[in-house]
N, C-alpha and C. Protein backbone atom coordinates (compact mmCIF):
# COMPACT_ATOMS: atom_id res chain seq x y z
N MET A 1 0.69 -1.31 -0.18
CA MET A 1 0.38 -0.14 0.00
C MET A 1 0.91 1.24 0.22
N ALA A 2 1.29 2.37 -1.17
CA ALA A 2 1.81 2.97 -0.66
C ALA A 2 0.64 4.02 -0.57
N LYS A 3 1.26 4.71 0.53
CA LYS A 3 1.03 6.69 0.77
C LYS A 3 1.31 7.96 0.32
N SER A 4 0.06 8.61 -0.31
CA SER A 4 0.73 9.41 -1.42
C SER A 4 1.33 10.73 -0.03
N TYR A 5 2.44 11.06 -0.21
CA TYR A 5 2.92 12.44 0.84
C TYR A 5 2.25 13.68 0.33
N VAL A 6 1.98 13.74 -1.06
CA VAL A 6 1.47 14.53 -1.50
C VAL A 6 0.08 15.21 -1.48
N LYS A 7 -0.34 15.95 -0.88
CA LYS A 7 -1.14 16.83 0.30
C LYS A 7 -1.18 18.20 -0.70
N PHE A 8 -0.37 18.51 -0.93
CA PHE A 8 -0.50 20.22 -1.53
C PHE A 8 0.63 20.63 -2.64
N GLU A 9 0.88 20.98 -3.64
CA GLU A 9 1.56 21.02 -5.05
C GLU A 9 2.71 21.66 -4.13
N VAL A 10 3.84 20.76 -4.59
CA VAL A 10 5.11 20.72 -4.05
C VAL A 10 6.31 21.66 -5.38
N SER A 11 6.43 22.79 -5.74
CA SER A 11 6.89 23.68 -6.88
C SER A 11 8.45 22.97 -7.33
N LYS A 12 8.19 22.71 -8.37
CA LYS A 12 10.06 21.51 -8.39
C LYS A 12 10.96 23.22 -8.34
N GLU A 13 10.41 24.75 -9.34
CA GLU A 13 11.24 26.08 -8.90
C GLU A 13 12.08 26.47 -6.76
N VAL A 14 10.98 26.05 -6.75
CA VAL A 14 10.78 26.60 -5.15
C VAL A 14 11.48 25.96 -4.23
N SER A 15 11.69 24.62 -4.86
CA SER A 15 11.82 23.34 -3.49
C SER A 15 13.93 23.70 -4.00
N ASP A 16 13.81 23.81 -5.63
CA ASP A 16 15.23 23.61 -6.03
C ASP A 16 16.11 24.49 -5.44
N LYS A 17 15.00 26.06 -5.76
CA LYS A 17 15.54 27.22 -4.76
C LYS A 17 15.94 27.32 -4.08
N ALA A 18 15.16 27.21 -2.43
CA ALA A 18 15.02 26.03 -1.79
C ALA A 18 15.84 25.26 -0.67
N LEU A 19 16.59 24.36 -1.41
CA LEU A 19 17.85 23.84 -1.18
C LEU A 19 18.95 24.71 -1.46
N GLU A 20 18.88 25.60 -2.41
CA GLU A 20 20.16 26.25 -3.04
C GLU A 20 20.45 26.55 -1.63
N ALA A 21 18.84 27.62 -1.80
CA ALA A 21 19.80 29.25 -0.32
C ALA A 21 19.80 27.98 0.81
N VAL A 22 19.38 27.02 0.76
CA VAL A 22 20.27 25.73 2.35
C VAL A 22 21.40 25.65 1.89
N ARG A 23 22.40 24.78 1.17
CA ARG A 23 23.16 25.63 0.62
C ARG A 23 24.59 26.48 1.19
N LEU A 24 23.60 27.56 0.74
CA LEU A 24 24.54 28.72 0.37
C LEU A 24 24.76 29.88 2.23
N ALA A 25 23.46 29.86 3.32
CA ALA A 25 23.06 29.59 3.60
C ALA A 25 24.13 28.52 5.07
N ARG A 26 24.01 27.36 5.04
CA ARG A 26 24.98 26.73 5.63
C ARG A 26 26.36 27.03 5.07
N GLN A 27 26.62 27.63 4.19
CA GLN A 27 28.32 28.07 3.87
C GLN A 27 28.72 29.17 4.96
N SER A 28 27.62 29.97 4.20
CA SER A 28 27.95 31.74 4.86
C SER A 28 27.10 31.57 6.23
N GLY A 29 26.24 31.76 6.46
CA GLY A 29 25.84 31.90 7.25
C GLY A 29 25.31 30.88 8.50
N SER A 30 23.72 30.66 8.77
CA SER A 30 23.80 29.97 9.74
C SER A 30 22.29 29.28 9.85
N VAL A 31 22.39 27.99 10.00
CA VAL A 31 21.16 27.30 10.19
C VAL A 31 21.43 26.34 11.01
N ARG A 32 19.77 25.56 11.22
CA ARG A 32 19.67 25.09 12.30
C ARG A 32 18.87 23.40 11.28
N LYS A 33 19.28 22.77 12.04
CA LYS A 33 18.34 21.09 11.27
C LYS A 33 17.96 20.21 12.63
N GLY A 34 16.92 19.53 12.57
CA GLY A 34 16.45 18.80 12.45
C GLY A 34 14.65 19.96 13.49
N ILE A 35 13.69 18.84 13.62
CA ILE A 35 12.45 19.29 14.21
C ILE A 35 12.87 19.50 15.12
N ASN A 36 13.76 19.74 16.76
CA ASN A 36 14.58 19.84 17.52
C ASN A 36 14.17 21.86 17.24
N GLU A 37 15.60 21.76 16.94
CA GLU A 37 15.98 22.92 17.16
C GLU A 37 15.67 23.88 15.74
N VAL A 38 14.82 23.25 14.79
CA VAL A 38 13.54 24.35 13.82
C VAL A 38 12.40 24.70 15.22
N THR A 39 11.93 23.99 15.76
CA THR A 39 11.58 24.32 16.80
C THR A 39 11.50 25.79 17.16
N LYS A 40 12.33 25.55 18.19
CA LYS A 40 13.11 26.95 19.10
C LYS A 40 14.05 27.57 17.77
N SER A 41 14.49 27.62 16.44
CA SER A 41 14.12 28.81 16.36
C SER A 41 13.53 29.78 16.02
N ILE A 42 12.22 28.77 15.44
CA ILE A 42 10.69 29.54 15.22
C ILE A 42 10.46 30.45 16.36
N GLU A 43 10.26 29.67 17.92
CA GLU A 43 9.73 30.66 18.79
C GLU A 43 10.93 31.40 18.75
N ARG A 44 12.04 31.60 19.65
CA ARG A 44 12.76 32.96 19.50
C ARG A 44 12.94 33.48 18.70
N GLY A 45 12.50 33.27 17.33
CA GLY A 45 12.42 34.47 16.46
C GLY A 45 13.53 34.34 15.67
N LEU A 46 13.71 33.78 15.77
CA LEU A 46 15.81 33.54 14.66
C LEU A 46 15.27 33.22 13.16
N SER A 47 14.05 32.74 13.01
CA SER A 47 14.80 31.91 11.62
C SER A 47 13.63 33.14 10.37
N SER A 48 14.42 32.97 9.22
CA SER A 48 13.41 34.47 9.02
C SER A 48 13.79 32.84 6.95
N LEU A 49 13.92 32.03 7.74
CA LEU A 49 13.23 31.18 6.66
C LEU A 49 13.03 29.20 7.29
N VAL A 50 12.10 28.51 6.73
CA VAL A 50 12.25 27.54 7.77
C VAL A 50 12.39 26.44 6.34
N VAL A 51 12.59 25.12 6.16
CA VAL A 51 12.19 24.37 4.37
C VAL A 51 11.74 23.21 5.11
N ILE A 52 10.74 22.94 4.69
CA ILE A 52 10.33 20.53 5.50
C ILE A 52 10.74 20.05 4.21
N ALA A 53 10.84 19.10 4.66
CA ALA A 53 10.72 17.69 3.86
C ALA A 53 9.66 17.16 3.75
N VAL A 54 9.24 16.94 2.62
CA VAL A 54 7.42 16.25 2.57
C VAL A 54 7.30 15.37 3.03
N ASP A 55 8.37 14.31 2.82
CA ASP A 55 7.94 12.27 3.18
C ASP A 55 8.73 12.47 4.69
N VAL A 56 8.15 13.12 5.05
CA VAL A 56 8.52 12.70 6.54
C VAL A 56 7.44 11.44 7.31
N GLU A 57 7.62 11.35 7.86
CA GLU A 57 7.01 9.80 9.12
C GLU A 57 7.45 9.13 10.48
N PRO A 58 5.85 9.32 10.50
CA PRO A 58 4.79 10.01 11.21
C PRO A 58 5.31 11.32 10.41
N GLU A 59 3.87 11.49 10.20
CA GLU A 59 3.44 13.36 9.83
C GLU A 59 3.21 14.68 11.01
N GLU A 60 2.63 13.73 12.20
CA GLU A 60 3.06 14.04 12.99
C GLU A 60 4.17 14.80 14.45
N VAL A 61 5.00 14.56 13.29
CA VAL A 61 6.79 15.20 13.39
C VAL A 61 6.45 16.76 13.37
N VAL A 62 6.06 16.35 11.80
CA VAL A 62 6.31 17.90 11.52
C VAL A 62 4.25 18.84 11.42
N MET A 63 4.12 18.44 12.00
CA MET A 63 2.82 19.06 12.04
C MET A 63 2.85 20.61 12.74
N HIS A 64 3.55 20.27 13.62
CA HIS A 64 3.02 21.90 13.94
C HIS A 64 3.94 23.33 13.87
N ILE A 65 4.82 22.69 13.17
CA ILE A 65 5.39 23.48 12.56
C ILE A 65 5.60 24.42 10.85
N PRO A 66 5.19 23.96 10.32
CA PRO A 66 3.39 25.34 9.25
C PRO A 66 2.73 26.12 10.24
N GLN A 67 2.40 25.93 10.85
CA GLN A 67 1.69 26.11 12.03
C GLN A 67 2.55 27.58 13.46
N LEU A 68 3.64 27.08 13.72
CA LEU A 68 4.22 27.63 14.13
C LEU A 68 4.29 29.08 13.60
N CYS A 69 5.02 28.78 11.80
CA CYS A 69 5.52 29.51 11.56
C CYS A 69 4.73 30.72 11.03
N GLU A 70 2.94 30.02 11.21
CA GLU A 70 2.73 31.47 10.76
C GLU A 70 2.04 32.06 11.55
N GLN A 71 2.32 31.94 13.48
CA GLN A 71 2.05 32.15 14.51
C GLN A 71 2.89 33.38 14.11
N LYS A 72 3.64 33.12 14.05
CA LYS A 72 5.60 33.88 14.13
C LYS A 72 6.01 34.93 13.05
N LYS A 73 4.63 34.21 11.72
CA LYS A 73 4.99 35.01 10.51
C LYS A 73 6.62 34.32 10.06
N VAL A 74 7.74 33.71 9.77
CA VAL A 74 7.99 33.27 9.65
C VAL A 74 7.37 32.59 7.80
N ASN A 75 8.15 32.77 7.70
CA ASN A 75 7.76 32.52 5.88
C ASN A 75 8.88 30.80 5.69
N TYR A 76 8.09 29.72 5.11
CA TYR A 76 7.99 28.35 5.57
C TYR A 76 7.68 27.03 3.51
N VAL A 77 9.02 26.80 3.88
CA VAL A 77 8.62 26.35 2.36
C VAL A 77 8.59 24.35 2.24
N TYR A 78 8.59 23.43 1.33
CA TYR A 78 8.28 21.86 1.88
C TYR A 78 9.53 21.60 -0.23
N VAL A 79 10.33 20.56 0.67
CA VAL A 79 11.20 20.26 -0.60
C VAL A 79 10.13 18.62 -0.47
N PRO A 80 9.98 18.03 -1.48
CA PRO A 80 9.45 16.67 -1.64
C PRO A 80 11.01 15.87 -0.64
N THR A 81 12.15 15.60 -1.07
CA THR A 81 12.39 14.41 0.27
C THR A 81 13.60 15.22 1.09
N LYS A 82 13.22 14.27 2.20
CA LYS A 82 14.19 14.36 3.56
C LYS A 82 15.98 13.59 3.07
N LEU A 83 16.18 12.98 1.86
CA LEU A 83 17.71 13.22 1.83
C LEU A 83 17.88 14.57 0.86
N ASP A 84 17.29 14.65 -0.15
CA ASP A 84 18.29 16.28 -0.32
C ASP A 84 18.53 17.10 0.81
N LEU A 85 17.42 16.96 1.43
CA LEU A 85 17.73 18.23 2.11
C LEU A 85 18.87 18.47 2.69
N GLY A 86 19.02 16.89 3.42
CA GLY A 86 20.19 16.74 4.46
C GLY A 86 21.77 16.66 3.29
N LYS A 87 21.60 16.45 2.28
CA LYS A 87 22.30 16.73 0.87
C LYS A 87 22.91 18.43 1.14
N ALA A 88 21.43 18.92 0.74
CA ALA A 88 21.78 20.34 0.84
C ALA A 88 22.60 21.04 1.50
N LEU A 89 22.50 20.50 3.22
CA LEU A 89 23.83 20.45 3.89
C LEU A 89 25.15 20.19 4.17
N GLY A 90 24.29 19.14 3.29
CA GLY A 90 25.97 18.25 2.96
C GLY A 90 26.72 17.47 4.69
N MET A 91 25.13 16.44 4.57
CA MET A 91 25.33 15.18 5.58
C MET A 91 25.60 14.10 4.33
N ASN A 92 25.79 13.13 4.93
CA ASN A 92 24.71 12.06 3.80
C ASN A 92 23.52 10.57 4.04
N VAL A 93 23.63 12.05 5.18
CA VAL A 93 21.43 11.37 5.87
C VAL A 93 20.22 12.12 6.09
N PRO A 94 19.74 11.36 6.07
CA PRO A 94 18.24 12.60 5.89
C PRO A 94 17.93 14.31 6.85
N CYS A 95 16.92 14.30 6.94
CA CYS A 95 17.08 15.86 7.87
C CYS A 95 15.20 16.03 7.45
N SER A 96 14.92 16.27 8.14
CA SER A 96 13.69 16.59 7.67
C SER A 96 13.29 18.00 8.09
N SER A 97 14.05 19.23 8.90
CA SER A 97 13.32 20.39 8.17
C SER A 97 14.86 21.09 9.27
N VAL A 98 14.90 22.78 8.14
CA VAL A 98 15.75 23.03 8.68
C VAL A 98 14.98 24.56 8.91
N ALA A 99 16.24 25.86 9.80
CA ALA A 99 15.44 26.81 9.59
C ALA A 99 16.81 27.78 9.89
N ILE A 100 16.61 27.50 8.95
CA ILE A 100 17.26 29.81 8.56
C ILE A 100 17.51 30.40 8.51
N GLU A 101 18.62 30.64 9.82
CA GLU A 101 18.88 31.88 10.73
C GLU A 101 19.05 33.29 10.13
N LYS A 102 20.74 32.62 10.23
CA LYS A 102 21.82 34.01 9.02
C LYS A 102 22.06 34.12 7.46
N GLN A 103 20.86 34.25 7.38
CA GLN A 103 21.38 34.20 6.13
C GLN A 103 22.57 34.91 4.79
N GLY A 104 23.59 35.00 5.38
CA GLY A 104 24.48 35.07 4.72
C GLY A 104 24.43 35.45 2.73
N GLU A 105 24.61 34.72 2.02
CA GLU A 105 25.06 34.78 0.79
C GLU A 105 23.63 34.25 0.55
N ALA A 106 22.68 33.40 1.35
CA ALA A 106 21.50 33.25 0.68
C ALA A 106 20.61 33.90 0.14
N GLN A 107 21.27 35.52 0.70
CA GLN A 107 19.90 36.66 0.67
C GLN A 107 18.69 37.34 -0.08
N SER A 108 19.10 36.19 -1.34
CA SER A 108 18.95 37.63 -2.28
C SER A 108 18.11 36.03 -2.96
N THR A 109 18.04 35.10 -3.03
CA THR A 109 17.40 33.38 -3.01
C THR A 109 16.62 33.27 -1.82
N ILE A 110 16.54 33.58 -0.82
CA ILE A 110 15.42 34.09 0.07
C ILE A 110 13.99 35.07 -0.69
N ILE A 111 14.51 35.79 -0.76
CA ILE A 111 13.58 36.96 -1.31
C ILE A 111 13.58 36.66 -2.75
N ASP A 112 13.78 35.60 -3.06
CA ASP A 112 13.08 35.25 -4.82
C ASP A 112 12.08 34.23 -3.92
N ILE A 113 12.43 33.61 -2.94
CA ILE A 113 11.77 32.57 -2.70
C ILE A 113 10.74 33.32 -2.25
N ILE A 114 11.03 33.64 -1.40
CA ILE A 114 8.93 34.27 -0.84
C ILE A 114 8.76 35.28 -1.04
N SER A 115 8.86 36.28 -2.28
CA SER A 115 8.46 36.13 -3.32
C SER A 115 7.88 35.59 -4.24
N ARG A 116 8.27 34.28 -4.48
CA ARG A 116 7.62 33.35 -5.43
C ARG A 116 5.58 32.42 -4.48
N THR A 117 6.82 32.52 -3.31
CA THR A 117 5.51 31.46 -2.93
C THR A 117 4.21 32.60 -1.95
N THR A 118 5.03 33.79 -1.30
CA THR A 118 3.24 34.92 -1.52
C THR A 118 2.95 35.77 -2.41
N GLY A 119 3.45 35.74 -3.38
CA GLY A 119 3.13 36.90 -4.10
C GLY A 119 3.21 38.46 -3.85
N LYS A 120 4.36 38.21 -2.92
CA LYS A 120 4.84 39.40 -2.89
C LYS A 120 6.20 39.79 -2.42
N SER A 121 5.92 41.30 -2.92
CA SER A 121 7.47 41.72 -2.61
C SER A 121 8.17 41.49 -1.99
N ALA A 122 9.75 40.59 -1.19
CA ALA A 122 10.06 41.01 0.02
C ALA A 122 11.12 42.10 0.86
N ALA A 123 10.23 42.85 1.16
CA ALA A 123 12.49 43.41 1.32
C ALA A 123 13.68 42.94 1.51
N PRO A 124 14.48 44.10 1.61
CA PRO A 124 15.81 43.03 2.20
C PRO A 124 15.72 43.13 3.64
N ALA A 125 16.30 41.91 4.44
CA ALA A 125 16.05 42.09 6.39
C ALA A 125 17.28 42.85 6.26
N GLY A 126 16.40 43.61 7.82
CA GLY A 126 17.16 44.34 8.21
C GLY A 126 16.87 46.56 7.60
N ALA A 127 16.11 46.08 6.48
CA ALA A 127 16.13 47.03 5.70
C ALA A 127 14.41 48.32 6.21
N ALA A 128 14.81 49.16 6.67
CA ALA A 128 14.29 49.64 7.17
C ALA A 128 13.31 51.35 6.39
N PRO A 129 12.51 51.10 7.03
CA PRO A 129 11.70 52.88 5.62
C PRO A 129 11.75 53.39 6.15
N ALA A 130 12.41 54.71 5.23
CA ALA A 130 13.04 55.98 5.19
C ALA A 130 12.82 57.02 6.53
N ALA A 131 10.99 57.15 6.16
CA ALA A 131 10.09 57.73 7.15
C ALA A 131 11.38 56.97 8.84
N GLU A 132 11.59 56.39 9.40
CA GLU A 132 11.51 55.55 10.65
C GLU A 132 12.91 55.57 10.58
N SER A 133 14.07 55.36 9.83
CA SER A 133 15.37 55.96 9.63
C SER A 133 15.93 57.09 10.55
N LYS A 134 15.00 57.89 9.95
CA LYS A 134 15.46 59.55 10.64
C LYS A 134 15.15 59.26 12.65
N PRO A 135 16.84 59.50 12.97
CA PRO A 135 16.61 59.83 15.02
C PRO A 135 15.59 60.44 15.32
N LYS A 136 14.71 60.58 16.27
CA LYS A 136 13.65 61.65 17.08
C LYS A 136 14.52 62.87 17.13
N ALA A 137 13.75 63.57 17.61
CA ALA A 137 14.37 65.10 18.27
C ALA A 137 14.26 64.66 20.33
N LYS A 138 15.26 65.38 20.83
CA LYS A 138 14.43 64.02 22.03
C LYS A 138 14.58 65.60 22.61
N ALA A 139 13.42 65.79 23.43
CA ALA A 139 13.49 66.70 24.53
C ALA A 139 13.86 66.87 25.62
N PRO A 140 14.06 68.36 25.66
CA PRO A 140 15.31 68.09 26.81
C PRO A 140 14.87 68.04 28.39
N ARG A 141 15.73 67.42 29.40
CA ARG A 141 15.44 66.66 30.54
C ARG A 141 15.14 67.73 31.32
N GLU A 142 13.81 67.80 32.63
CA GLU A 142 13.73 68.47 33.46
C GLU A 142 14.68 68.61 34.92
N GLN A 143 15.10 69.01 35.63
CA GLN A 143 15.85 68.38 36.55
C GLN A 143 14.10 69.18 37.33
N LYS A 144 14.37 66.91 38.33
CA LYS A 144 13.21 67.98 39.53
C LYS A 144 13.65 67.75 40.74
N ALA A 145 13.68 68.77 41.87
CA ALA A 145 14.22 68.69 43.65
C ALA A 145 13.51 67.67 44.12
N LYS A 146 14.76 67.77 44.42
CA LYS A 146 14.67 66.45 45.99
C LYS A 146 13.21 67.17 46.91
N PRO A 147 12.78 66.27 47.24
CA PRO A 147 11.85 66.03 48.33
C PRO A 147 12.61 66.39 49.39
N ALA A 148 13.16 67.32 50.75
CA ALA A 148 13.64 67.98 52.12
C ALA A 148 13.23 66.09 52.48
N GLN A 149 13.85 65.39 52.92
CA GLN A 149 13.54 64.63 54.06
C GLN A 149 13.22 65.40 55.68
N ALA A 150 12.37 65.06 56.63
CA ALA A 150 11.86 65.54 57.31
C ALA A 150 12.93 64.44 58.61
N ASP A 151 13.25 64.46 59.17
CA ASP A 151 13.67 63.44 60.56
C ASP A 151 12.33 63.51 61.63
N ALA A 152 12.71 62.63 61.76
CA ALA A 152 11.86 61.46 62.70
C ALA A 152 11.26 62.23 64.45
N LYS A 153 12.53 62.24 64.07
CA LYS A 153 13.36 61.78 65.32
C LYS A 153 13.50 63.60 65.88
């Protein structure tokens, strides 16, 4: 009895770009691998992109990650196999999920992935709107006089 893993569309272009982003981030940035590390990275707000393998069995192992990503507003994508994800990390063993924390040279690839999956153009991380980047003028501080302490004796 063959089980159909793909309950949703896994785009070949997006999954290839996601694997390339993992390769680049591993070389020049920072990644976390495995369900527990990815979950902690998302909860702490450190992840910029999460990559999840579709063929993880049992499915319940990774079922919480998309919900957590949506809650924390972290983008996530799927790749067809955990073996491919492990190879992208430079490992000879399968890997179920990866969180890219520091993008490194993968920044442009991640921006492309986000724009393809969400349909919105993504601004580079750390780019602030021009109106918010100006420092606000501070009002001069008023010096308050200390109240005189009365002796109880």
